[in-house]
Structure formats: structure tokens, C-alpha cells
Amino acid sequence: MATHKILVIDDSRVIRNMVRDMLPKGNFQVIEAKDGIEGLNAIQQEQPNLIMLDFLLPRMSGWEVFQTIQEQPKLQKIPLVIMSGRREELAEKISEPFEYFEFIEKPFEQRDLIGAIKSAMIKAKQPRQAAVKSAAPGPETADVQALTQRVDALQTEVATLKRQMAQLVTFIKQKLNK
């Protein structure tokens, strides 16, 4: 009888089957989901012992599933392995080192998969720092607002320069045609 439920959320049947085939026989019940919405439903219904999450998914992306997991303390305790063919896509959204989950790059070998699962189990036990949300805007918010205002000003300036350039080109064409 399977002792561990592993949820594999990946739109590729090949990857889902590959994970199933690479796991030691008899120890795992593999549950499959082909998109993020099915994956979140399966997390709630099946309460897996481990989640393997593709980062690029249809309907609801792996990033959105990851964010949902991170918002719920109960789900944060489930070991998580994020899979992707390109590490840089993940690193754009989540800075390295990956503290609370493990990453495995596709395609992967069985030993890499087993190592990632073991590492994810260790990382899931790490105590999390409580997110402190402040009502007052912090320095990052002020910086973002300042940058947004600067971008708006630059866009206005560029539009003005384009208009002036068009007028200049028109003027030169008129002079050349005389």
C-alpha cells in the first residue's frame, strides 16, 4: 500500500508519467493534475505529502499556484519541488537561493528527482518568518511611486520629442520640394 501521496502538476503527460516511473515502486501514490486549477483542487481534496509543480501551466500558472500555497500556512508545510526547463524564468519571480522549496530542471534523471524530493522535505520543515504587512507605505512603495512618476514624465517627454521631430521632418520636406 502506498504510504505517500505525491501530486504532480504538469501539463505534459510525458513528465507526469516519467515522475511516476522514477519513484520507488509501492511507496507512492501519484496523483496527477494537468493545469494549475486542477492542481489546487487536488491539493485541497487529496492533501498530498509532496507537490511537484511545473512553473509554466495553462489556465493558472505555476507561479499563481505557488503564490496560493505561500499564502496558506497549512499548505506551506507540504514539501514542494518546482520543475521547469528554464531556471531563469523561476529566478525572475523568486530570488535564489530557494529557501522553502526545491527546484529541478527538466529534463531530469531519477537520482536528481529523488535528491530534489529529499531536499524539499528538509526545506519544508524550515521555520518561516511571519510576513509583516504595514498600513503605511514602506520605502520600497515610495521608491516604486517615484519611479512610476519618473517613467510617466519621460513618456510625456518622448511623446513631445516625437511630435517635434514629425514637425521638423515635415518642415524639411516642404523646403526640399520648393
N, C-alpha and C. Protein backbone atom coordinates (compact mmCIF):
# COMPACT_ATOMS: atom_id res chain seq x y z
N MET A 1 0.84 -1.19 0.00
CA MET A 1 0.00 0.00 0.00
C MET A 1 0.88 1.25 0.00
N ALA A 2 0.49 2.24 -0.76
CA ALA A 2 1.26 3.48 -0.87
C ALA A 2 1.21 4.24 0.45
N THR A 3 2.37 4.71 0.87
CA THR A 3 2.43 5.44 2.13
C THR A 3 2.47 6.95 1.94
N HIS A 4 2.83 7.40 0.74
CA HIS A 4 2.94 8.83 0.48
C HIS A 4 2.17 9.20 -0.78
N LYS A 5 1.45 10.32 -0.70
CA LYS A 5 0.75 10.85 -1.88
C LYS A 5 1.61 11.94 -2.48
N ILE A 6 1.91 11.79 -3.75
CA ILE A 6 2.67 12.82 -4.47
C ILE A 6 1.77 13.37 -5.56
N LEU A 7 1.58 14.68 -5.53
CA LEU A 7 0.79 15.35 -6.54
C LEU A 7 1.74 15.93 -7.58
N VAL A 8 1.56 15.52 -8.84
CA VAL A 8 2.37 16.03 -9.94
C VAL A 8 1.48 16.92 -10.78
N ILE A 9 1.79 18.23 -10.77
CA ILE A 9 1.02 19.22 -11.54
C ILE A 9 1.87 19.62 -12.73
N ASP A 10 1.53 19.08 -13.90
CA ASP A 10 2.30 19.36 -15.11
C ASP A 10 1.38 19.13 -16.31
N ASP A 11 1.44 20.03 -17.28
CA ASP A 11 0.59 19.88 -18.46
C ASP A 11 1.10 18.81 -19.41
N SER A 12 2.29 18.30 -19.18
CA SER A 12 2.87 17.27 -20.03
C SER A 12 2.61 15.88 -19.44
N ARG A 13 1.88 15.07 -20.17
CA ARG A 13 1.63 13.68 -19.74
C ARG A 13 2.96 12.94 -19.64
N VAL A 14 3.90 13.25 -20.53
CA VAL A 14 5.21 12.60 -20.53
C VAL A 14 5.91 12.83 -19.19
N ILE A 15 5.91 14.07 -18.71
CA ILE A 15 6.57 14.39 -17.44
C ILE A 15 5.85 13.70 -16.29
N ARG A 16 4.51 13.74 -16.30
CA ARG A 16 3.76 13.09 -15.21
C ARG A 16 4.08 11.59 -15.16
N ASN A 17 4.12 10.94 -16.32
CA ASN A 17 4.45 9.52 -16.37
C ASN A 17 5.90 9.26 -15.97
N MET A 18 6.79 10.14 -16.40
CA MET A 18 8.20 9.99 -16.08
C MET A 18 8.41 10.04 -14.56
N VAL A 19 7.75 11.00 -13.90
CA VAL A 19 7.88 11.09 -12.44
C VAL A 19 7.35 9.80 -11.79
N ARG A 20 6.18 9.36 -12.25
CA ARG A 20 5.58 8.12 -11.71
C ARG A 20 6.56 6.95 -11.85
N ASP A 21 7.18 6.82 -13.03
CA ASP A 21 8.08 5.70 -13.29
C ASP A 21 9.39 5.79 -12.51
N MET A 22 9.81 7.00 -12.17
CA MET A 22 11.08 7.18 -11.47
C MET A 22 10.97 6.95 -9.95
N LEU A 23 9.77 7.03 -9.42
CA LEU A 23 9.61 6.85 -7.98
C LEU A 23 9.71 5.38 -7.60
N PRO A 24 10.25 5.10 -6.41
CA PRO A 24 10.33 3.70 -5.97
C PRO A 24 8.93 3.06 -5.95
N LYS A 25 8.83 1.85 -6.45
CA LYS A 25 7.54 1.17 -6.56
C LYS A 25 6.97 0.85 -5.17
N GLY A 26 5.65 1.04 -5.05
CA GLY A 26 4.95 0.65 -3.84
C GLY A 26 4.91 1.68 -2.74
N ASN A 27 5.80 2.66 -2.76
CA ASN A 27 5.85 3.64 -1.67
C ASN A 27 5.00 4.88 -1.92
N PHE A 28 4.63 5.09 -3.17
CA PHE A 28 4.00 6.36 -3.52
C PHE A 28 2.71 6.16 -4.31
N GLN A 29 1.73 6.97 -3.99
CA GLN A 29 0.53 7.09 -4.81
C GLN A 29 0.67 8.41 -5.55
N VAL A 30 0.74 8.33 -6.86
CA VAL A 30 0.92 9.54 -7.67
C VAL A 30 -0.45 10.04 -8.12
N ILE A 31 -0.72 11.30 -7.79
CA ILE A 31 -1.95 11.98 -8.20
C ILE A 31 -1.53 12.98 -9.27
N GLU A 32 -2.30 13.07 -10.35
CA GLU A 32 -1.91 13.93 -11.46
C GLU A 32 -2.90 15.07 -11.66
N ALA A 33 -2.36 16.22 -12.07
CA ALA A 33 -3.17 17.37 -12.46
C ALA A 33 -2.49 17.98 -13.67
N LYS A 34 -3.30 18.38 -14.68
CA LYS A 34 -2.70 18.87 -15.93
C LYS A 34 -2.67 20.39 -16.04
N ASP A 35 -3.22 21.10 -15.04
CA ASP A 35 -3.11 22.57 -15.03
C ASP A 35 -3.19 23.06 -13.59
N GLY A 36 -2.99 24.35 -13.41
CA GLY A 36 -2.94 24.92 -12.07
C GLY A 36 -4.24 24.81 -11.30
N ILE A 37 -5.37 24.97 -11.97
CA ILE A 37 -6.66 24.90 -11.29
C ILE A 37 -6.91 23.49 -10.79
N GLU A 38 -6.68 22.48 -11.66
CA GLU A 38 -6.81 21.09 -11.24
C GLU A 38 -5.85 20.80 -10.08
N GLY A 39 -4.66 21.37 -10.16
CA GLY A 39 -3.65 21.17 -9.12
C GLY A 39 -4.11 21.69 -7.77
N LEU A 40 -4.63 22.91 -7.74
CA LEU A 40 -5.10 23.47 -6.47
C LEU A 40 -6.27 22.65 -5.91
N ASN A 41 -7.17 22.22 -6.79
CA ASN A 41 -8.28 21.38 -6.33
C ASN A 41 -7.76 20.08 -5.73
N ALA A 42 -6.78 19.48 -6.38
CA ALA A 42 -6.20 18.22 -5.89
C ALA A 42 -5.48 18.42 -4.55
N ILE A 43 -4.83 19.57 -4.38
CA ILE A 43 -4.16 19.85 -3.11
C ILE A 43 -5.21 19.86 -1.99
N GLN A 44 -6.32 20.54 -2.21
CA GLN A 44 -7.37 20.63 -1.19
C GLN A 44 -8.01 19.27 -0.93
N GLN A 45 -8.30 18.51 -1.98
CA GLN A 45 -9.03 17.25 -1.83
C GLN A 45 -8.15 16.10 -1.35
N GLU A 46 -6.94 16.01 -1.87
CA GLU A 46 -6.09 14.85 -1.62
C GLU A 46 -5.11 15.03 -0.47
N GLN A 47 -4.81 16.28 -0.11
CA GLN A 47 -3.83 16.59 0.93
C GLN A 47 -2.54 15.77 0.75
N PRO A 48 -1.82 16.07 -0.33
CA PRO A 48 -0.63 15.27 -0.65
C PRO A 48 0.50 15.49 0.35
N ASN A 49 1.44 14.53 0.37
CA ASN A 49 2.63 14.64 1.19
C ASN A 49 3.75 15.40 0.49
N LEU A 50 3.60 15.58 -0.83
CA LEU A 50 4.60 16.28 -1.63
C LEU A 50 3.91 16.80 -2.88
N ILE A 51 4.32 18.01 -3.32
CA ILE A 51 3.79 18.59 -4.55
C ILE A 51 4.95 18.82 -5.50
N MET A 52 4.78 18.32 -6.73
CA MET A 52 5.73 18.61 -7.81
C MET A 52 4.99 19.51 -8.77
N LEU A 53 5.49 20.73 -8.95
CA LEU A 53 4.77 21.77 -9.66
C LEU A 53 5.56 22.29 -10.84
N ASP A 54 4.97 22.17 -12.03
CA ASP A 54 5.56 22.77 -13.23
C ASP A 54 5.33 24.28 -13.13
N PHE A 55 6.31 25.06 -13.54
CA PHE A 55 6.19 26.52 -13.41
C PHE A 55 5.34 27.13 -14.53
N LEU A 56 5.33 26.51 -15.69
CA LEU A 56 4.54 27.03 -16.82
C LEU A 56 3.36 26.10 -17.06
N LEU A 57 2.18 26.57 -16.70
CA LEU A 57 0.96 25.76 -16.81
C LEU A 57 -0.15 26.54 -17.50
N PRO A 58 -1.08 25.83 -18.14
CA PRO A 58 -2.25 26.52 -18.69
C PRO A 58 -3.27 26.84 -17.60
N ARG A 59 -4.20 27.70 -17.93
CA ARG A 59 -5.32 28.13 -17.09
C ARG A 59 -4.88 28.88 -15.83
N MET A 60 -4.01 28.34 -15.04
CA MET A 60 -3.45 29.03 -13.88
C MET A 60 -1.99 28.62 -13.82
N SER A 61 -1.10 29.59 -13.87
CA SER A 61 0.33 29.30 -13.96
C SER A 61 0.87 28.68 -12.66
N GLY A 62 2.02 28.05 -12.79
CA GLY A 62 2.70 27.51 -11.61
C GLY A 62 3.04 28.61 -10.62
N TRP A 63 3.34 29.80 -11.13
CA TRP A 63 3.63 30.95 -10.27
C TRP A 63 2.42 31.28 -9.41
N GLU A 64 1.22 31.27 -10.02
CA GLU A 64 -0.01 31.57 -9.27
C GLU A 64 -0.32 30.48 -8.25
N VAL A 65 -0.07 29.23 -8.62
CA VAL A 65 -0.27 28.12 -7.68
C VAL A 65 0.70 28.28 -6.51
N PHE A 66 1.96 28.59 -6.83
CA PHE A 66 2.98 28.80 -5.79
C PHE A 66 2.54 29.91 -4.83
N GLN A 67 2.05 31.03 -5.36
CA GLN A 67 1.61 32.14 -4.52
C GLN A 67 0.46 31.71 -3.61
N THR A 68 -0.47 30.93 -4.14
CA THR A 68 -1.59 30.45 -3.33
C THR A 68 -1.09 29.56 -2.20
N ILE A 69 -0.14 28.70 -2.51
CA ILE A 69 0.44 27.82 -1.48
C ILE A 69 1.11 28.66 -0.39
N GLN A 70 1.85 29.70 -0.80
CA GLN A 70 2.58 30.52 0.16
C GLN A 70 1.66 31.34 1.06
N GLU A 71 0.45 31.61 0.61
CA GLU A 71 -0.50 32.40 1.40
C GLU A 71 -1.16 31.60 2.50
N GLN A 72 -1.06 30.28 2.45
CA GLN A 72 -1.76 29.43 3.40
C GLN A 72 -0.76 28.62 4.24
N PRO A 73 -0.64 28.93 5.52
CA PRO A 73 0.32 28.24 6.38
C PRO A 73 0.20 26.72 6.34
N LYS A 74 -1.01 26.20 6.24
CA LYS A 74 -1.20 24.74 6.19
C LYS A 74 -0.53 24.16 4.94
N LEU A 75 -0.66 24.86 3.81
CA LEU A 75 -0.08 24.36 2.56
C LEU A 75 1.43 24.57 2.51
N GLN A 76 1.94 25.57 3.21
CA GLN A 76 3.38 25.84 3.23
C GLN A 76 4.16 24.66 3.79
N LYS A 77 3.51 23.86 4.61
CA LYS A 77 4.19 22.74 5.26
C LYS A 77 4.35 21.54 4.34
N ILE A 78 3.70 21.56 3.18
CA ILE A 78 3.82 20.46 2.23
C ILE A 78 5.10 20.66 1.42
N PRO A 79 6.00 19.66 1.42
CA PRO A 79 7.22 19.80 0.61
C PRO A 79 6.86 20.07 -0.85
N LEU A 80 7.64 20.97 -1.46
CA LEU A 80 7.35 21.43 -2.82
C LEU A 80 8.60 21.35 -3.68
N VAL A 81 8.44 20.74 -4.86
CA VAL A 81 9.50 20.70 -5.87
C VAL A 81 8.94 21.42 -7.09
N ILE A 82 9.59 22.51 -7.48
CA ILE A 82 9.17 23.23 -8.69
C ILE A 82 10.03 22.74 -9.85
N MET A 83 9.35 22.45 -10.97
CA MET A 83 10.03 21.94 -12.16
C MET A 83 9.90 22.97 -13.29
N SER A 84 10.99 23.13 -14.04
CA SER A 84 10.94 24.00 -15.20
C SER A 84 12.11 23.66 -16.12
N GLY A 85 11.92 23.93 -17.38
CA GLY A 85 13.00 23.74 -18.34
C GLY A 85 14.00 24.88 -18.31
N ARG A 86 13.60 25.99 -17.65
CA ARG A 86 14.49 27.16 -17.60
C ARG A 86 14.49 27.78 -16.21
N ARG A 87 15.57 27.63 -15.51
CA ARG A 87 15.71 28.13 -14.15
C ARG A 87 15.53 29.65 -14.10
N GLU A 88 15.97 30.35 -15.14
CA GLU A 88 15.92 31.82 -15.13
C GLU A 88 14.48 32.34 -15.08
N GLU A 89 13.53 31.59 -15.65
CA GLU A 89 12.13 32.00 -15.57
C GLU A 89 11.66 32.05 -14.12
N LEU A 90 12.07 31.06 -13.38
CA LEU A 90 11.71 30.98 -11.97
C LEU A 90 12.45 32.05 -11.17
N ALA A 91 13.73 32.21 -11.45
CA ALA A 91 14.55 33.19 -10.71
C ALA A 91 14.09 34.63 -10.96
N GLU A 92 13.38 34.89 -12.07
CA GLU A 92 12.84 36.22 -12.31
C GLU A 92 11.76 36.57 -11.28
N LYS A 93 11.02 35.55 -10.84
CA LYS A 93 9.91 35.77 -9.90
C LYS A 93 10.33 35.54 -8.45
N ILE A 94 11.20 34.56 -8.22
CA ILE A 94 11.60 34.19 -6.87
C ILE A 94 13.13 34.19 -6.83
N SER A 95 13.69 35.00 -5.95
CA SER A 95 15.15 35.10 -5.92
C SER A 95 15.77 33.85 -5.28
N GLU A 96 16.94 33.50 -5.79
CA GLU A 96 17.68 32.37 -5.24
C GLU A 96 18.50 32.85 -4.06
N PRO A 97 18.90 32.00 -3.13
CA PRO A 97 18.63 30.57 -3.11
C PRO A 97 17.19 30.31 -2.72
N PHE A 98 16.66 29.23 -3.22
CA PHE A 98 15.27 28.87 -2.95
C PHE A 98 15.21 28.26 -1.55
N GLU A 99 14.64 29.01 -0.63
CA GLU A 99 14.71 28.67 0.79
C GLU A 99 13.70 27.63 1.24
N TYR A 100 12.48 27.68 0.71
CA TYR A 100 11.41 26.83 1.25
C TYR A 100 10.95 25.74 0.28
N PHE A 101 11.55 25.65 -0.89
CA PHE A 101 11.19 24.62 -1.85
C PHE A 101 12.44 24.22 -2.62
N GLU A 102 12.31 23.14 -3.36
CA GLU A 102 13.43 22.68 -4.18
C GLU A 102 13.10 22.91 -5.65
N PHE A 103 14.12 23.11 -6.44
CA PHE A 103 13.95 23.30 -7.88
C PHE A 103 14.65 22.16 -8.60
N ILE A 104 13.99 21.67 -9.66
CA ILE A 104 14.63 20.67 -10.51
C ILE A 104 14.41 21.09 -11.96
N GLU A 105 15.50 21.06 -12.72
CA GLU A 105 15.42 21.49 -14.11
C GLU A 105 15.09 20.31 -15.02
N LYS A 106 14.13 20.52 -15.91
CA LYS A 106 13.75 19.50 -16.88
C LYS A 106 14.73 19.49 -18.03
N PRO A 107 15.00 18.39 -18.63
CA PRO A 107 14.69 17.04 -18.19
C PRO A 107 15.61 16.63 -17.05
N PHE A 108 15.18 15.67 -16.23
CA PHE A 108 15.97 15.26 -15.08
C PHE A 108 16.07 13.74 -15.02
N GLU A 109 17.06 13.30 -14.28
CA GLU A 109 17.31 11.88 -14.07
C GLU A 109 16.68 11.45 -12.75
N GLN A 110 16.55 10.14 -12.56
CA GLN A 110 15.93 9.62 -11.34
C GLN A 110 16.67 10.08 -10.09
N ARG A 111 17.99 10.03 -10.10
CA ARG A 111 18.74 10.43 -8.90
C ARG A 111 18.51 11.90 -8.57
N ASP A 112 18.36 12.76 -9.61
CA ASP A 112 18.08 14.18 -9.39
C ASP A 112 16.69 14.36 -8.76
N LEU A 113 15.73 13.57 -9.25
CA LEU A 113 14.38 13.64 -8.72
C LEU A 113 14.34 13.23 -7.25
N ILE A 114 14.96 12.12 -6.93
CA ILE A 114 14.97 11.64 -5.54
C ILE A 114 15.69 12.66 -4.65
N GLY A 115 16.79 13.20 -5.12
CA GLY A 115 17.52 14.23 -4.36
C GLY A 115 16.67 15.47 -4.13
N ALA A 116 15.95 15.90 -5.16
CA ALA A 116 15.09 17.09 -5.03
C ALA A 116 13.97 16.83 -4.02
N ILE A 117 13.40 15.64 -4.05
CA ILE A 117 12.33 15.31 -3.10
C ILE A 117 12.86 15.33 -1.67
N LYS A 118 14.01 14.72 -1.45
CA LYS A 118 14.61 14.70 -0.10
C LYS A 118 14.90 16.12 0.37
N SER A 119 15.46 16.94 -0.51
CA SER A 119 15.78 18.33 -0.16
C SER A 119 14.51 19.13 0.14
N ALA A 120 13.46 18.92 -0.66
CA ALA A 120 12.19 19.63 -0.44
C ALA A 120 11.60 19.27 0.92
N MET A 121 11.75 18.02 1.32
CA MET A 121 11.21 17.59 2.61
C MET A 121 11.94 18.28 3.76
N ILE A 122 13.23 18.47 3.61
CA ILE A 122 14.01 19.17 4.63
C ILE A 122 13.63 20.65 4.65
N LYS A 123 13.54 21.26 3.47
CA LYS A 123 13.23 22.69 3.39
C LYS A 123 11.83 23.00 3.92
N ALA A 124 10.88 22.08 3.74
CA ALA A 124 9.51 22.32 4.19
C ALA A 124 9.43 22.42 5.72
N LYS A 125 10.41 21.85 6.39
CA LYS A 125 10.42 21.88 7.86
C LYS A 125 11.04 23.16 8.42
N GLN A 126 11.63 23.97 7.55
CA GLN A 126 12.26 25.23 7.98
C GLN A 126 11.20 26.16 8.55
N PRO A 127 11.48 26.79 9.69
CA PRO A 127 10.50 27.77 10.21
C PRO A 127 10.43 28.98 9.27
N ARG A 128 9.24 29.46 9.09
CA ARG A 128 9.01 30.61 8.21
C ARG A 128 8.94 31.88 9.03
N GLN A 129 9.45 32.95 8.45
CA GLN A 129 9.30 34.26 9.07
C GLN A 129 7.92 34.77 8.73
N ALA A 130 7.24 35.28 9.74
CA ALA A 130 5.90 35.83 9.51
C ALA A 130 6.02 37.08 8.67
N ALA A 131 5.18 37.17 7.67
CA ALA A 131 5.17 38.36 6.82
C ALA A 131 4.51 39.49 7.58
N VAL A 132 5.19 40.61 7.67
CA VAL A 132 4.65 41.76 8.38
C VAL A 132 4.13 42.73 7.33
N LYS A 133 2.83 43.00 7.42
CA LYS A 133 2.22 43.93 6.47
C LYS A 133 1.93 45.22 7.21
N SER A 134 2.40 46.28 6.67
CA SER A 134 2.23 47.59 7.29
C SER A 134 1.22 48.41 6.51
N ALA A 135 0.43 49.17 7.23
CA ALA A 135 -0.56 50.02 6.58
C ALA A 135 0.13 51.22 5.91
N ALA A 136 1.21 51.69 6.53
CA ALA A 136 1.94 52.83 5.97
C ALA A 136 2.84 52.35 4.83
N PRO A 137 2.93 53.12 3.76
CA PRO A 137 3.79 52.71 2.66
C PRO A 137 5.25 52.69 3.11
N GLY A 138 5.94 51.62 2.79
CA GLY A 138 7.34 51.49 3.15
C GLY A 138 8.22 52.18 2.13
N PRO A 139 9.54 52.14 2.35
CA PRO A 139 10.46 52.80 1.42
C PRO A 139 10.38 52.21 0.01
N GLU A 140 10.12 50.89 -0.09
CA GLU A 140 10.01 50.29 -1.42
C GLU A 140 8.81 50.86 -2.18
N THR A 141 7.69 51.04 -1.47
CA THR A 141 6.49 51.59 -2.10
C THR A 141 6.76 53.02 -2.57
N ALA A 142 7.42 53.80 -1.73
CA ALA A 142 7.73 55.18 -2.10
C ALA A 142 8.67 55.20 -3.31
N ASP A 143 9.65 54.29 -3.33
CA ASP A 143 10.57 54.21 -4.46
C ASP A 143 9.83 53.85 -5.74
N VAL A 144 8.92 52.90 -5.65
CA VAL A 144 8.15 52.48 -6.82
C VAL A 144 7.30 53.64 -7.32
N GLN A 145 6.67 54.36 -6.40
CA GLN A 145 5.85 55.50 -6.79
C GLN A 145 6.70 56.57 -7.47
N ALA A 146 7.87 56.83 -6.92
CA ALA A 146 8.76 57.83 -7.50
C ALA A 146 9.21 57.40 -8.91
N LEU A 147 9.53 56.12 -9.05
CA LEU A 147 9.94 55.62 -10.37
C LEU A 147 8.79 55.68 -11.37
N THR A 148 7.59 55.36 -10.91
CA THR A 148 6.42 55.43 -11.78
C THR A 148 6.19 56.86 -12.27
N GLN A 149 6.32 57.82 -11.37
CA GLN A 149 6.16 59.22 -11.76
C GLN A 149 7.24 59.62 -12.76
N ARG A 150 8.45 59.15 -12.53
CA ARG A 150 9.56 59.48 -13.43
C ARG A 150 9.31 58.87 -14.82
N VAL A 151 8.83 57.63 -14.87
CA VAL A 151 8.52 56.98 -16.14
C VAL A 151 7.44 57.76 -16.87
N ASP A 152 6.40 58.17 -16.15
CA ASP A 152 5.33 58.95 -16.76
C ASP A 152 5.88 60.25 -17.37
N ALA A 153 6.75 60.91 -16.61
CA ALA A 153 7.34 62.17 -17.10
C ALA A 153 8.18 61.91 -18.35
N LEU A 154 8.96 60.84 -18.35
CA LEU A 154 9.79 60.52 -19.51
C LEU A 154 8.93 60.16 -20.73
N GLN A 155 7.82 59.44 -20.50
CA GLN A 155 6.93 59.10 -21.61
C GLN A 155 6.32 60.36 -22.22
N THR A 156 5.96 61.32 -21.38
CA THR A 156 5.43 62.59 -21.87
C THR A 156 6.49 63.33 -22.68
N GLU A 157 7.70 63.32 -22.18
CA GLU A 157 8.81 63.98 -22.87
C GLU A 157 9.09 63.31 -24.22
N VAL A 158 9.07 62.00 -24.27
CA VAL A 158 9.30 61.27 -25.52
C VAL A 158 8.19 61.60 -26.52
N ALA A 159 6.95 61.65 -26.06
CA ALA A 159 5.83 61.98 -26.96
C ALA A 159 6.01 63.38 -27.53
N THR A 160 6.46 64.32 -26.71
CA THR A 160 6.70 65.69 -27.17
C THR A 160 7.81 65.71 -28.21
N LEU A 161 8.88 64.98 -27.93
CA LEU A 161 10.01 64.93 -28.88
C LEU A 161 9.59 64.30 -30.21
N LYS A 162 8.76 63.26 -30.15
CA LYS A 162 8.27 62.64 -31.39
C LYS A 162 7.45 63.64 -32.21
N ARG A 163 6.60 64.37 -31.53
CA ARG A 163 5.76 65.37 -32.22
C ARG A 163 6.64 66.44 -32.85
N GLN A 164 7.65 66.92 -32.11
CA GLN A 164 8.55 67.93 -32.64
C GLN A 164 9.36 67.38 -33.82
N MET A 165 9.77 66.13 -33.73
CA MET A 165 10.54 65.51 -34.81
C MET A 165 9.67 65.41 -36.07
N ALA A 166 8.41 65.05 -35.91
CA ALA A 166 7.49 64.96 -37.05
C ALA A 166 7.33 66.33 -37.69
N GLN A 167 7.22 67.36 -36.87
CA GLN A 167 7.08 68.73 -37.40
C GLN A 167 8.35 69.13 -38.14
N LEU A 168 9.49 68.76 -37.61
CA LEU A 168 10.77 69.09 -38.24
C LEU A 168 10.90 68.36 -39.59
N VAL A 169 10.53 67.10 -39.63
CA VAL A 169 10.59 66.33 -40.88
C VAL A 169 9.65 66.95 -41.91
N THR A 170 8.46 67.31 -41.50
CA THR A 170 7.51 67.96 -42.41
C THR A 170 8.09 69.25 -42.96
N PHE A 171 8.68 70.07 -42.10
CA PHE A 171 9.28 71.34 -42.50
C PHE A 171 10.39 71.11 -43.53
N ILE A 172 11.26 70.13 -43.26
CA ILE A 172 12.38 69.85 -44.18
C ILE A 172 11.86 69.37 -45.54
N LYS A 173 10.84 68.52 -45.53
CA LYS A 173 10.25 68.04 -46.78
C LYS A 173 9.67 69.19 -47.58
N GLN A 174 9.04 70.16 -46.91
CA GLN A 174 8.46 71.32 -47.59
C GLN A 174 9.56 72.15 -48.24
N LYS A 175 10.65 72.34 -47.54
CA LYS A 175 11.76 73.14 -48.07
C LYS A 175 12.43 72.45 -49.26
N LEU A 176 12.52 71.10 -49.19
CA LEU A 176 13.15 70.37 -50.29
C LEU A 176 12.27 70.35 -51.54
N ASN A 177 10.98 70.40 -51.37
CA ASN A 177 10.04 70.37 -52.50
C ASN A 177 9.92 71.71 -53.19
N LYS A 178 10.42 72.79 -52.64
CA LYS A 178 10.29 74.12 -53.25
C LYS A 178 11.24 74.33 -54.36
